[in-house]
PDB file of N, CA and C in Angstrom:
ATOM      1  N   UNK A   1       0.815  -1.208   0.000  1.00  0.00           N
ATOM      2  CA  UNK A   1       0.036   0.014   0.021  1.00  0.00           C
ATOM      3  C   UNK A   1       0.850   1.248  -0.020  1.00  0.00           C
ATOM      4  N   UNK A   2       2.087   1.143   0.586  1.00  0.00           N
ATOM      5  CA  UNK A   2       2.965   2.332   0.604  1.00  0.00           C
ATOM      6  C   UNK A   2       3.384   2.752  -0.792  1.00  0.00           C
ATOM      7  N   UNK A   3       3.467   1.798  -1.700  1.00  0.00           N
ATOM      8  CA  UNK A   3       3.843   2.197  -3.099  1.00  0.00           C
ATOM      9  C   UNK A   3       2.719   3.017  -3.660  1.00  0.00           C
ATOM     10  N   UNK A   4       1.560   2.789  -3.466  1.00  0.00           N
ATOM     11  CA  UNK A   4       0.351   3.401  -4.010  1.00  0.00           C
ATOM     12  C   UNK A   4       0.309   4.813  -3.410  1.00  0.00           C
ATOM     13  N   UNK A   5       0.400   4.895  -2.064  1.00  0.00           N
ATOM     14  CA  UNK A   5       0.327   6.155  -1.387  1.00  0.00           C
ATOM     15  C   UNK A   5       1.575   7.103  -1.730  1.00  0.00           C
ATOM     16  N   UNK A   6       2.696   6.535  -1.935  1.00  0.00           N
ATOM     17  CA  UNK A   6       3.833   7.343  -2.278  1.00  0.00           C
ATOM     18  C   UNK A   6       3.650   7.985  -3.669  1.00  0.00           C
ATOM     19  N   UNK A   7       3.097   7.226  -4.544  1.00  0.00           N
ATOM     20  CA  UNK A   7       2.777   7.848  -5.862  1.00  0.00           C
ATOM     21  C   UNK A   7       1.765   8.951  -5.818  1.00  0.00           C
ATOM     22  N   UNK A   8       0.743   8.757  -4.976  1.00  0.00           N
ATOM     23  CA  UNK A   8      -0.346   9.807  -4.809  1.00  0.00           C
ATOM     24  C   UNK A   8       0.084  10.999  -4.024  1.00  0.00           C
ATOM     25  N   UNK A   9       0.882  10.837  -2.955  1.00  0.00           N
ATOM     26  CA  UNK A   9       1.314  11.871  -2.067  1.00  0.00           C
ATOM     27  C   UNK A   9       2.543  12.674  -2.453  1.00  0.00           C
ATOM     28  N   UNK A  10       3.678  11.887  -2.719  1.00  0.00           N
ATOM     29  CA  UNK A  10       4.904  12.530  -2.955  1.00  0.00           C
ATOM     30  C   UNK A  10       5.213  12.782  -4.435  1.00  0.00           C
ATOM     31  N   UNK A  11       4.649  11.955  -5.343  1.00  0.00           N
ATOM     32  CA  UNK A  11       4.972  12.137  -6.768  1.00  0.00           C
ATOM     33  C   UNK A  11       3.709  12.196  -7.607  1.00  0.00           C
ATOM     34  N   UNK A  12       2.718  12.966  -7.119  1.00  0.00           N
ATOM     35  CA  UNK A  12       1.459  13.089  -7.784  1.00  0.00           C
ATOM     36  C   UNK A  12       1.596  13.447  -9.236  1.00  0.00           C
ATOM     37  N   UNK A  13       2.332  14.530  -9.599  1.00  0.00           N
ATOM     38  CA  UNK A  13       2.464  14.962 -10.982  1.00  0.00           C
ATOM     39  C   UNK A  13       3.982  15.077 -11.313  1.00  0.00           C
ATOM     40  N   UNK A  14       4.738  14.157 -10.782  1.00  0.00           N
ATOM     41  CA  UNK A  14       6.183  14.202 -11.002  1.00  0.00           C
ATOM     42  C   UNK A  14       6.498  13.319 -12.280  1.00  0.00           C
ATOM     43  N   UNK A  15       6.803  13.952 -13.364  1.00  0.00           N
ATOM     44  CA  UNK A  15       7.057  13.297 -14.589  1.00  0.00           C
ATOM     45  C   UNK A  15       8.544  13.072 -14.823  1.00  0.00           C
ATOM     46  N   UNK A  16       9.407  13.531 -13.855  1.00  0.00           N
ATOM     47  CA  UNK A  16      10.815  13.442 -14.012  1.00  0.00           C
ATOM     48  C   UNK A  16      11.332  12.284 -13.111  1.00  0.00           C
ATOM     49  N   UNK A  17      12.526  11.794 -13.428  1.00  0.00           N
ATOM     50  CA  UNK A  17      13.074  10.728 -12.630  1.00  0.00           C
ATOM     51  C   UNK A  17      12.622   9.347 -13.068  1.00  0.00           C
ATOM     52  N   UNK A  18      12.906   8.320 -12.376  1.00  0.00           N
ATOM     53  CA  UNK A  18      12.640   6.951 -12.712  1.00  0.00           C
ATOM     54  C   UNK A  18      11.841   6.171 -11.700  1.00  0.00           C
ATOM     55  N   UNK A  19      11.083   5.344 -12.122  1.00  0.00           N
ATOM     56  CA  UNK A  19      10.274   4.396 -11.219  1.00  0.00           C
ATOM     57  C   UNK A  19      10.522   2.938 -11.489  1.00  0.00           C
ATOM     58  N   UNK A  20      11.034   2.216 -10.639  1.00  0.00           N
ATOM     59  CA  UNK A  20      11.288   0.739 -10.925  1.00  0.00           C
ATOM     60  C   UNK A  20       9.925  -0.035 -11.026  1.00  0.00           C
ATOM     61  N   UNK A  21      10.120  -1.304 -11.473  1.00  0.00           N
ATOM     62  CA  UNK A  21       8.979  -2.118 -11.714  1.00  0.00           C
ATOM     63  C   UNK A  21       8.072  -2.229 -10.515  1.00  0.00           C
ATOM     64  N   UNK A  22       8.580  -2.426  -9.338  1.00  0.00           N
ATOM     65  CA  UNK A  22       7.733  -2.669  -8.174  1.00  0.00           C
ATOM     66  C   UNK A  22       6.826  -1.415  -7.931  1.00  0.00           C
ATOM     67  N   UNK A  23       7.373  -0.235  -8.038  1.00  0.00           N
ATOM     68  CA  UNK A  23       6.562   0.926  -7.791  1.00  0.00           C
ATOM     69  C   UNK A  23       5.449   1.079  -8.887  1.00  0.00           C
ATOM     70  N   UNK A  24       5.717   0.802 -10.097  1.00  0.00           N
ATOM     71  CA  UNK A  24       4.787   0.856 -11.190  1.00  0.00           C
ATOM     72  C   UNK A  24       3.696  -0.149 -10.992  1.00  0.00           C
ATOM     73  N   UNK A  25       4.064  -1.514 -10.786  1.00  0.00           N
ATOM     74  CA  UNK A  25       3.172  -2.599 -10.785  1.00  0.00           C
ATOM     75  C   UNK A  25       2.344  -2.609  -9.547  1.00  0.00           C
ATOM     76  N   UNK A  26       2.893  -2.228  -8.423  1.00  0.00           N
ATOM     77  CA  UNK A  26       2.105  -2.083  -7.161  1.00  0.00           C
ATOM     78  C   UNK A  26       1.035  -1.020  -7.286  1.00  0.00           C
ATOM     79  N   UNK A  27       1.422   0.074  -7.859  1.00  0.00           N
ATOM     80  CA  UNK A  27       0.411   1.186  -8.085  1.00  0.00           C
ATOM     81  C   UNK A  27      -0.648   0.642  -9.034  1.00  0.00           C
ATOM     82  N   UNK A  28      -0.236   0.004 -10.083  1.00  0.00           N
ATOM     83  CA  UNK A  28      -1.250  -0.474 -11.036  1.00  0.00           C
ATOM     84  C   UNK A  28      -2.224  -1.439 -10.378  1.00  0.00           C
ATOM     85  N   UNK A  29      -1.626  -2.389  -9.668  1.00  0.00           N
ATOM     86  CA  UNK A  29      -2.486  -3.460  -8.998  1.00  0.00           C
ATOM     87  C   UNK A  29      -3.465  -2.904  -7.943  1.00  0.00           C
ATOM     88  N   UNK A  30      -3.010  -2.027  -7.031  1.00  0.00           N
ATOM     89  CA  UNK A  30      -3.881  -1.453  -6.092  1.00  0.00           C
ATOM     90  C   UNK A  30      -4.918  -0.539  -6.747  1.00  0.00           C
ATOM     91  N   UNK A  31      -4.479   0.214  -7.725  1.00  0.00           N
ATOM     92  CA  UNK A  31      -5.335   1.084  -8.488  1.00  0.00           C
ATOM     93  C   UNK A  31      -6.438   0.231  -9.158  1.00  0.00           C
ATOM     94  N   UNK A  32      -6.149  -0.894  -9.708  1.00  0.00           N
ATOM     95  CA  UNK A  32      -7.079  -1.819 -10.359  1.00  0.00           C
ATOM     96  C   UNK A  32      -8.041  -2.318  -9.381  1.00  0.00           C
ATOM     97  N   UNK A  33      -7.592  -2.769  -8.148  1.00  0.00           N
ATOM     98  CA  UNK A  33      -8.447  -3.346  -7.188  1.00  0.00           C
ATOM     99  C   UNK A  33      -9.456  -2.206  -6.708  1.00  0.00           C
ATOM    100  N   UNK A  34      -8.949  -1.082  -6.399  1.00  0.00           N
ATOM    101  CA  UNK A  34      -9.750   0.043  -5.893  1.00  0.00           C
ATOM    102  C   UNK A  34     -10.781   0.361  -7.026  1.00  0.00           C
ATOM    103  N   UNK A  35     -10.444   0.432  -8.257  1.00  0.00           N
ATOM    104  CA  UNK A  35     -11.319   0.716  -9.295  1.00  0.00           C
ATOM    105  C   UNK A  35     -12.472  -0.269  -9.416  1.00  0.00           C
ATOM    106  N   UNK A  36     -12.138  -1.558  -9.361  1.00  0.00           N
ATOM    107  CA  UNK A  36     -13.179  -2.690  -9.417  1.00  0.00           C
ATOM    108  C   UNK A  36     -14.142  -2.521  -8.242  1.00  0.00           C
ATOM    109  N   UNK A  37     -13.642  -2.413  -7.052  1.00  0.00           N
ATOM    110  CA  UNK A  37     -14.526  -2.192  -5.877  1.00  0.00           C
ATOM    111  C   UNK A  37     -15.436  -1.001  -6.007  1.00  0.00           C
ATOM    112  N   UNK A  38     -14.865   0.082  -6.438  1.00  0.00           N
ATOM    113  CA  UNK A  38     -15.660   1.273  -6.535  1.00  0.00           C
ATOM    114  C   UNK A  38     -16.709   1.109  -7.651  1.00  0.00           C
ATOM    115  N   UNK A  39     -16.334   0.494  -8.715  1.00  0.00           N
ATOM    116  CA  UNK A  39     -17.327   0.290  -9.822  1.00  0.00           C
ATOM    117  C   UNK A  39     -18.515  -0.597  -9.339  1.00  0.00           C
ATOM    118  N   UNK A  40     -18.178  -1.678  -8.657  1.00  0.00           N
ATOM    119  CA  UNK A  40     -19.260  -2.487  -8.085  1.00  0.00           C
ATOM    120  C   UNK A  40     -20.081  -1.791  -7.105  1.00  0.00           C
ATOM    121  N   UNK A  41     -19.526  -1.124  -6.154  1.00  0.00           N
ATOM    122  CA  UNK A  41     -20.330  -0.468  -5.155  1.00  0.00           C
ATOM    123  C   UNK A  41     -21.094   0.695  -5.731  1.00  0.00           C
ATOM    124  N   UNK A  42     -20.410   1.393  -6.643  1.00  0.00           N
ATOM    125  CA  UNK A  42     -20.989   2.507  -7.326  1.00  0.00           C
ATOM    126  C   UNK A  42     -22.133   2.192  -8.217  1.00  0.00           C
ATOM    127  N   UNK A  43     -22.224   0.976  -8.691  1.00  0.00           N
ATOM    128  CA  UNK A  43     -23.346   0.524  -9.603  1.00  0.00           C
ATOM    129  C   UNK A  43     -24.651   0.466  -8.745  1.00  0.00           C
ATOM    130  N   UNK A  44     -24.480   0.179  -7.507  1.00  0.00           N
ATOM    131  CA  UNK A  44     -25.644   0.083  -6.616  1.00  0.00           C
ATOM    132  C   UNK A  44     -26.027   1.366  -6.063  1.00  0.00           C
ATOM    133  N   UNK A  45     -25.105   2.352  -5.948  1.00  0.00           N
ATOM    134  CA  UNK A  45     -25.389   3.551  -5.209  1.00  0.00           C
ATOM    135  C   UNK A  45     -25.682   4.784  -6.166  1.00  0.00           C
ATOM    136  N   UNK A  46     -24.654   5.179  -6.929  1.00  0.00           N
ATOM    137  CA  UNK A  46     -24.858   6.377  -7.666  1.00  0.00           C
ATOM    138  C   UNK A  46     -24.808   6.236  -9.157  1.00  0.00           C
ATOM    139  N   UNK A  47     -24.555   5.043  -9.661  1.00  0.00           N
ATOM    140  CA  UNK A  47     -24.463   4.828 -11.072  1.00  0.00           C
ATOM    141  C   UNK A  47     -23.311   5.340 -11.744  1.00  0.00           C
ATOM    142  N   UNK A  48     -22.211   5.431 -11.059  1.00  0.00           N
ATOM    143  CA  UNK A  48     -20.892   5.700 -11.744  1.00  0.00           C
ATOM    144  C   UNK A  48     -20.179   7.027 -11.313  1.00  0.00           C
ATOM    145  N   UNK A  49     -20.836   7.765 -10.360  1.00  0.00           N
ATOM    146  CA  UNK A  49     -20.232   9.005 -10.063  1.00  0.00           C
ATOM    147  C   UNK A  49     -18.998   8.857  -9.240  1.00  0.00           C
ATOM    148  N   UNK A  50     -18.894   7.965  -8.253  1.00  0.00           N
ATOM    149  CA  UNK A  50     -17.706   7.743  -7.422  1.00  0.00           C
ATOM    150  C   UNK A  50     -16.546   7.277  -8.283  1.00  0.00           C
ATOM    151  N   UNK A  51     -16.894   6.264  -9.076  1.00  0.00           N
ATOM    152  CA  UNK A  51     -15.849   5.640  -9.933  1.00  0.00           C
ATOM    153  C   UNK A  51     -15.245   6.766 -10.959  1.00  0.00           C
ATOM    154  N   UNK A  52     -16.133   7.565 -11.466  1.00  0.00           N
ATOM    155  CA  UNK A  52     -15.768   8.590 -12.347  1.00  0.00           C
ATOM    156  C   UNK A  52     -14.787   9.606 -11.629  1.00  0.00           C
ATOM    157  N   UNK A  53     -15.123  10.020 -10.438  1.00  0.00           N
ATOM    158  CA  UNK A  53     -14.229  10.898  -9.740  1.00  0.00           C
ATOM    159  C   UNK A  53     -12.983  10.320  -9.319  1.00  0.00           C
ATOM    160  N   UNK A  54     -13.003   9.061  -8.975  1.00  0.00           N
ATOM    161  CA  UNK A  54     -11.772   8.325  -8.680  1.00  0.00           C
ATOM    162  C   UNK A  54     -10.850   8.199  -9.925  1.00  0.00           C
ATOM    163  N   UNK A  55     -11.513   7.942 -11.072  1.00  0.00           N
ATOM    164  CA  UNK A  55     -10.648   7.836 -12.300  1.00  0.00           C
ATOM    165  C   UNK A  55     -10.024   9.162 -12.684  1.00  0.00           C
ATOM    166  N   UNK A  56     -10.765  10.215 -12.482  1.00  0.00           N
ATOM    167  CA  UNK A  56     -10.190  11.518 -12.800  1.00  0.00           C
ATOM    168  C   UNK A  56      -9.097  11.902 -11.740  1.00  0.00           C
ATOM    169  N   UNK A  57      -9.221  11.442 -10.501  1.00  0.00           N
ATOM    170  CA  UNK A  57      -8.281  11.832  -9.461  1.00  0.00           C
ATOM    171  C   UNK A  57      -6.937  11.035  -9.657  1.00  0.00           C
ATOM    172  N   UNK A  58      -6.922   9.909 -10.259  1.00  0.00           N
ATOM    173  CA  UNK A  58      -5.764   9.153 -10.458  1.00  0.00           C
ATOM    174  C   UNK A  58      -5.195   9.158 -11.806  1.00  0.00           C
ATOM    175  N   UNK A  59      -5.816  10.004 -12.728  1.00  0.00           N
ATOM    176  CA  UNK A  59      -5.341   9.999 -14.074  1.00  0.00           C
ATOM    177  C   UNK A  59      -3.942  10.580 -14.187  1.00  0.00           C
ATOM    178  N   UNK A  60      -3.721  11.698 -13.584  1.00  0.00           N
ATOM    179  CA  UNK A  60      -2.408  12.293 -13.674  1.00  0.00           C
ATOM    180  C   UNK A  60      -1.328  11.435 -13.001  1.00  0.00           C
ATOM    181  N   UNK A  61      -1.522  10.943 -11.807  1.00  0.00           N
ATOM    182  CA  UNK A  61      -0.556  10.070 -11.220  1.00  0.00           C
ATOM    183  C   UNK A  61      -0.284   8.849 -12.054  1.00  0.00           C
ATOM    184  N   UNK A  62      -1.284   8.322 -12.678  1.00  0.00           N
ATOM    185  CA  UNK A  62      -1.095   7.036 -13.527  1.00  0.00           C
ATOM    186  C   UNK A  62      -0.214   7.371 -14.701  1.00  0.00           C
ATOM    187  N   UNK A  63      -0.396   8.534 -15.294  1.00  0.00           N
ATOM    188  CA  UNK A  63       0.461   8.876 -16.499  1.00  0.00           C
ATOM    189  C   UNK A  63       1.841   9.198 -15.952  1.00  0.00           C
ATOM    190  N   UNK A  64       1.955   9.807 -14.887  1.00  0.00           N
ATOM    191  CA  UNK A  64       3.275  10.171 -14.305  1.00  0.00           C
ATOM    192  C   UNK A  64       4.060   8.996 -13.981  1.00  0.00           C
ATOM    193  N   UNK A  65       3.498   8.003 -13.262  1.00  0.00           N
ATOM    194  CA  UNK A  65       4.212   6.805 -12.906  1.00  0.00           C
ATOM    195  C   UNK A  65       4.550   5.972 -14.155  1.00  0.00           C
ATOM    196  N   UNK A  66       3.758   6.019 -15.183  1.00  0.00           N
ATOM    197  CA  UNK A  66       4.008   5.279 -16.442  1.00  0.00           C
ATOM    198  C   UNK A  66       5.203   5.961 -17.167  1.00  0.00           C
ATOM    199  N   UNK A  67       5.234   7.302 -17.202  1.00  0.00           N
ATOM    200  CA  UNK A  67       6.354   8.028 -17.814  1.00  0.00           C
ATOM    201  C   UNK A  67       7.634   7.776 -17.031  1.00  0.00           C
ATOM    202  N   UNK A  68       7.574   7.741 -15.712  1.00  0.00           N
ATOM    203  CA  UNK A  68       8.804   7.504 -14.964  1.00  0.00           C
ATOM    204  C   UNK A  68       9.249   6.049 -15.161  1.00  0.00           C
ATOM    205  N   UNK A  69       8.298   5.108 -15.340  1.00  0.00           N
ATOM    206  CA  UNK A  69       8.679   3.714 -15.568  1.00  0.00           C
ATOM    207  C   UNK A  69       9.397   3.570 -16.885  1.00  0.00           C
ATOM    208  N   UNK A  70       8.952   4.338 -17.941  1.00  0.00           N
ATOM    209  CA  UNK A  70       9.536   4.339 -19.188  1.00  0.00           C
ATOM    210  C   UNK A  70      10.928   5.015 -19.189  1.00  0.00           C
ATOM    211  N   UNK A  71      11.074   6.000 -18.315  1.00  0.00           N
ATOM    212  CA  UNK A  71      12.392   6.591 -18.067  1.00  0.00           C
ATOM    213  C   UNK A  71      13.349   5.553 -17.494  1.00  0.00           C
ATOM    214  N   UNK A  72      12.812   4.736 -16.678  1.00  0.00           N
ATOM    215  CA  UNK A  72      13.662   3.738 -15.976  1.00  0.00           C
ATOM    216  C   UNK A  72      14.224   2.656 -17.053  1.00  0.00           C
ATOM    217  N   UNK A  73      13.617   2.538 -18.155  1.00  0.00           N
ATOM    218  CA  UNK A  73      14.060   1.682 -19.209  1.00  0.00           C
ATOM    219  C   UNK A  73      14.768   2.511 -20.254  1.00  0.00           C
ATOM    220  N   UNK A  74      15.052   3.688 -20.038  1.00  0.00           N
ATOM    221  CA  UNK A  74      15.730   4.677 -20.927  1.00  0.00           C
ATOM    222  C   UNK A  74      14.870   5.040 -22.152  1.00  0.00           C
ATOM    223  N   UNK A  75      13.590   5.077 -22.055  1.00  0.00           N
ATOM    224  CA  UNK A  75      12.688   5.475 -23.088  1.00  0.00           C
ATOM    225  C   UNK A  75      11.997   6.787 -22.695  1.00  0.00           C
ATOM    226  N   UNK A  76      11.609   7.537 -23.690  1.00  0.00           N
ATOM    227  CA  UNK A  76      10.866   8.740 -23.409  1.00  0.00           C
ATOM    228  C   UNK A  76       9.454   8.529 -22.916  1.00  0.00           C
ATOM    229  N   UNK A  77       9.011   9.456 -21.938  1.00  0.00           N
ATOM    230  CA  UNK A  77       7.654   9.384 -21.470  1.00  0.00           C
ATOM    231  C   UNK A  77       6.629   9.568 -22.550  1.00  0.00           C
ATOM    232  N   UNK A  78       7.046  10.211 -23.593  1.00  0.00           N
ATOM    233  CA  UNK A  78       6.044  10.378 -24.674  1.00  0.00           C
ATOM    234  C   UNK A  78       5.661   9.142 -25.310  1.00  0.00           C
ATOM    235  N   UNK A  79       6.426   8.069 -25.090  1.00  0.00           N
ATOM    236  CA  UNK A  79       6.072   6.738 -25.755  1.00  0.00           C
ATOM    237  C   UNK A  79       4.776   6.286 -25.103  1.00  0.00           C
ATOM    238  N   UNK A  80       4.210   6.799 -24.112  1.00  0.00           N
ATOM    239  CA  UNK A  80       2.851   6.446 -23.557  1.00  0.00           C
ATOM    240  C   UNK A  80       1.807   6.691 -24.540  1.00  0.00           C
ATOM    241  N   UNK A  81       2.043   7.640 -25.524  1.00  0.00           N
ATOM    242  CA  UNK A  81       1.123   7.847 -26.562  1.00  0.00           C
ATOM    243  C   UNK A  81       0.887   6.611 -27.492  1.00  0.00           C
ATOM    244  N   UNK A  82       1.825   5.680 -27.484  1.00  0.00           N
ATOM    245  CA  UNK A  82       1.658   4.463 -28.297  1.00  0.00           C
ATOM    246  C   UNK A  82       0.429   3.697 -27.809  1.00  0.00           C
ATOM    247  N   UNK A  83       0.013   3.919 -26.581  1.00  0.00           N
ATOM    248  CA  UNK A  83      -1.134   3.294 -26.017  1.00  0.00           C
ATOM    249  C   UNK A  83      -2.379   3.634 -26.735  1.00  0.00           C
ATOM    250  N   UNK A  84      -2.373   4.721 -27.487  1.00  0.00           N
ATOM    251  CA  UNK A  84      -3.594   5.291 -28.201  1.00  0.00           C
ATOM    252  C   UNK A  84      -3.741   4.546 -29.510  1.00  0.00           C
ATOM    253  N   UNK A  85      -2.675   3.855 -29.919  1.00  0.00           N
ATOM    254  CA  UNK A  85      -2.722   3.190 -31.248  1.00  0.00           C
ATOM    255  C   UNK A  85      -3.094   1.631 -31.009  1.00  0.00           C
ATOM    256  N   UNK A  86      -4.183   1.201 -31.566  1.00  0.00           N
ATOM    257  CA  UNK A  86      -4.575  -0.248 -31.329  1.00  0.00           C
ATOM    258  C   UNK A  86      -3.504  -1.185 -31.708  1.00  0.00           C
ATOM    259  N   UNK A  87      -3.344  -2.168 -30.857  1.00  0.00           N
ATOM    260  CA  UNK A  87      -2.325  -3.277 -31.045  1.00  0.00           C
ATOM    261  C   UNK A  87      -0.881  -2.770 -30.931  1.00  0.00           C
ATOM    262  N   UNK A  88      -0.501  -1.685 -31.553  1.00  0.00           N
ATOM    263  CA  UNK A  88       0.781  -1.229 -31.410  1.00  0.00           C
ATOM    264  C   UNK A  88       1.137  -0.748 -29.929  1.00  0.00           C
ATOM    265  N   UNK A  89       0.101  -0.306 -29.199  1.00  0.00           N
ATOM    266  CA  UNK A  89       0.273  -0.019 -27.901  1.00  0.00           C
ATOM    267  C   UNK A  89       0.737  -1.134 -26.921  1.00  0.00           C
ATOM    268  N   UNK A  90       0.607  -2.416 -27.382  1.00  0.00           N
ATOM    269  CA  UNK A  90       1.057  -3.524 -26.602  1.00  0.00           C
ATOM    270  C   UNK A  90       2.494  -3.535 -26.280  1.00  0.00           C
ATOM    271  N   UNK A  91       3.258  -2.759 -27.143  1.00  0.00           N
ATOM    272  CA  UNK A  91       4.669  -2.738 -26.950  1.00  0.00           C
ATOM    273  C   UNK A  91       4.979  -2.014 -25.564  1.00  0.00           C
ATOM    274  N   UNK A  92       4.065  -1.210 -25.090  1.00  0.00           N
ATOM    275  CA  UNK A  92       4.239  -0.581 -23.788  1.00  0.00           C
ATOM    276  C   UNK A  92       4.308  -1.676 -22.666  1.00  0.00           C
ATOM    277  N   UNK A  93       3.522  -2.707 -22.846  1.00  0.00           N
ATOM    278  CA  UNK A  93       3.564  -3.698 -21.855  1.00  0.00           C
ATOM    279  C   UNK A  93       4.961  -4.329 -21.726  1.00  0.00           C
ATOM    280  N   UNK A  94       5.571  -4.532 -22.780  1.00  0.00           N
ATOM    281  CA  UNK A  94       7.011  -5.048 -22.812  1.00  0.00           C
ATOM    282  C   UNK A  94       7.882  -4.059 -22.073  1.00  0.00           C
ATOM    283  N   UNK A  95       7.727  -2.729 -22.387  1.00  0.00           N
ATOM    284  CA  UNK A  95       8.616  -1.779 -21.678  1.00  0.00           C
ATOM    285  C   UNK A  95       8.352  -1.737 -20.231  1.00  0.00           C
ATOM    286  N   UNK A  96       7.049  -1.925 -19.813  1.00  0.00           N
ATOM    287  CA  UNK A  96       6.746  -1.946 -18.407  1.00  0.00           C
ATOM    288  C   UNK A  96       7.298  -3.147 -17.642  1.00  0.00           C
ATOM    289  N   UNK A  97       7.422  -4.255 -18.390  1.00  0.00           N
ATOM    290  CA  UNK A  97       7.894  -5.507 -17.766  1.00  0.00           C
ATOM    291  C   UNK A  97       9.376  -5.663 -17.627  1.00  0.00           C
ATOM    292  N   UNK A  98      10.086  -5.096 -18.614  1.00  0.00           N
ATOM    293  CA  UNK A  98      11.578  -5.328 -18.584  1.00  0.00           C
ATOM    294  C   UNK A  98      12.246  -4.635 -17.424  1.00  0.00           C
ATOM    295  N   UNK A  99      13.429  -5.138 -17.154  1.00  0.00           N
ATOM    296  CA  UNK A  99      14.246  -4.687 -16.057  1.00  0.00           C
ATOM    297  C   UNK A  99      14.726  -3.312 -16.265  1.00  0.00           C
ATOM    298  N   UNK A 100      15.144  -2.556 -15.177  1.00  0.00           N
ATOM    299  CA  UNK A 100      15.695  -1.288 -15.251  1.00  0.00           C
ATOM    300  C   UNK A 100      17.032  -1.254 -15.987  1.00  0.00           C
ATOM    301  N   UNK A 101      17.290  -0.129 -16.612  1.00  0.00           N
ATOM    302  CA  UNK A 101      18.630  -0.037 -17.219  1.00  0.00           C
ATOM    303  C   UNK A 101      19.573   0.200 -16.022  1.00  0.00           C
ATOM    304  N   UNK A 102      20.699  -0.652 -15.983  1.00  0.00           N
ATOM    305  CA  UNK A 102      21.612  -0.523 -14.882  1.00  0.00           C
ATOM    306  C   UNK A 102      22.316   0.744 -14.896  1.00  0.00           C
ATOM    307  N   UNK A 103      22.556   1.302 -13.733  1.00  0.00           N
ATOM    308  CA  UNK A 103      23.339   2.504 -13.573  1.00  0.00           C
ATOM    309  C   UNK A 103      22.499   3.707 -13.879  1.00  0.00           C
ATOM    310  N   UNK A 104      23.067   4.906 -13.837  1.00  0.00           N
ATOM    311  CA  UNK A 104      22.301   6.077 -14.169  1.00  0.00           C
ATOM    312  C   UNK A 104      22.118   6.218 -15.759  1.00  0.00           C
ATOM    313  N   UNK A 105      21.054   6.954 -16.028  1.00  0.00           N
ATOM    314  CA  UNK A 105      20.778   7.215 -17.397  1.00  0.00           C
ATOM    315  C   UNK A 105      20.480   8.766 -17.469  1.00  0.00           C
ATOM    316  N   UNK A 106      20.038   9.228 -18.659  1.00  0.00           N
ATOM    317  CA  UNK A 106      19.796  10.628 -18.837  1.00  0.00           C
ATOM    318  C   UNK A 106      18.589  11.115 -18.030  1.00  0.00           C
ATOM    319  N   UNK A 107      17.823  10.168 -17.426  1.00  0.00           N
ATOM    320  CA  UNK A 107      16.665  10.526 -16.589  1.00  0.00           C
ATOM    321  C   UNK A 107      16.950  10.499 -15.088  1.00  0.00           C
ATOM    322  N   UNK A 108      18.147  10.047 -14.691  1.00  0.00           N
ATOM    323  CA  UNK A 108      18.489  10.112 -13.347  1.00  0.00           C
ATOM    324  C   UNK A 108      19.220   8.793 -12.862  1.00  0.00           C
ATOM    325  N   UNK A 109      19.499   8.761 -11.564  1.00  0.00           N
ATOM    326  CA  UNK A 109      20.100   7.544 -11.081  1.00  0.00           C
ATOM    327  C   UNK A 109      19.085   6.361 -11.003  1.00  0.00           C
ATOM    328  N   UNK A 110      19.682   5.129 -10.917  1.00  0.00           N
ATOM    329  CA  UNK A 110      18.847   3.853 -10.903  1.00  0.00           C
ATOM    330  C   UNK A 110      18.076   3.897  -9.486  1.00  0.00           C
ATOM    331  N   UNK A 111      16.747   3.685  -9.554  1.00  0.00           N
ATOM    332  CA  UNK A 111      15.998   3.675  -8.314  1.00  0.00           C
ATOM    333  C   UNK A 111      16.427   2.578  -7.403  1.00  0.00           C
ATOM    334  N   UNK A 112      16.914   1.531  -8.004  1.00  0.00           N
ATOM    335  CA  UNK A 112      17.360   0.289  -7.200  1.00  0.00           C
ATOM    336  C   UNK A 112      18.633   0.525  -6.444  1.00  0.00           C
ATOM    337  N   UNK A 113      19.305   1.587  -6.900  1.00  0.00           N
ATOM    338  CA  UNK A 113      20.594   1.877  -6.227  1.00  0.00           C
ATOM    339  C   UNK A 113      21.762   0.935  -6.731  1.00  0.00           C
ATOM    340  N   UNK A 114      21.516   0.351  -7.906  1.00  0.00           N
ATOM    341  CA  UNK A 114      22.516  -0.487  -8.536  1.00  0.00           C
ATOM    342  C   UNK A 114      23.272   0.202  -9.600  1.00  0.00           C
ATOM    343  N   UNK A 115      24.588   0.235  -9.456  1.00  0.00           N
ATOM    344  CA  UNK A 115      25.318   0.907 -10.445  1.00  0.00           C
ATOM    345  C   UNK A 115      26.017  -0.103 -11.396  1.00  0.00           C
ATOM    346  N   UNK A 116      26.226   0.354 -12.629  1.00  0.00           N
ATOM    347  CA  UNK A 116      26.797  -0.544 -13.625  1.00  0.00           C
ATOM    348  C   UNK A 116      28.311  -0.750 -13.363  1.00  0.00           C
TER     349      UNK A 116
END
């Protein structure tokens, strides 16, 4: 849960630096679980209002952590736009899964603290 809260509190709109796999995937997992629970509960209560507000609230942090994850693999955050192209956007999944580039890169030091 700390990974999720760190992204929301400390790095809400921070598009610079690097995010390692654990930070990205834990944020994605917890975000997915919360979204499912809210969607189910919201279908009985308000018809989508709570889920919509939650989705808007985590939109910027989701994009920011995705850009930082791409930075960790030495790719530009602008590559997130590939997700808008059907089927081609699947290449993002590969970049999100691969290991960090060892040592520092142009986006900053390795978040794992491992130097080449």
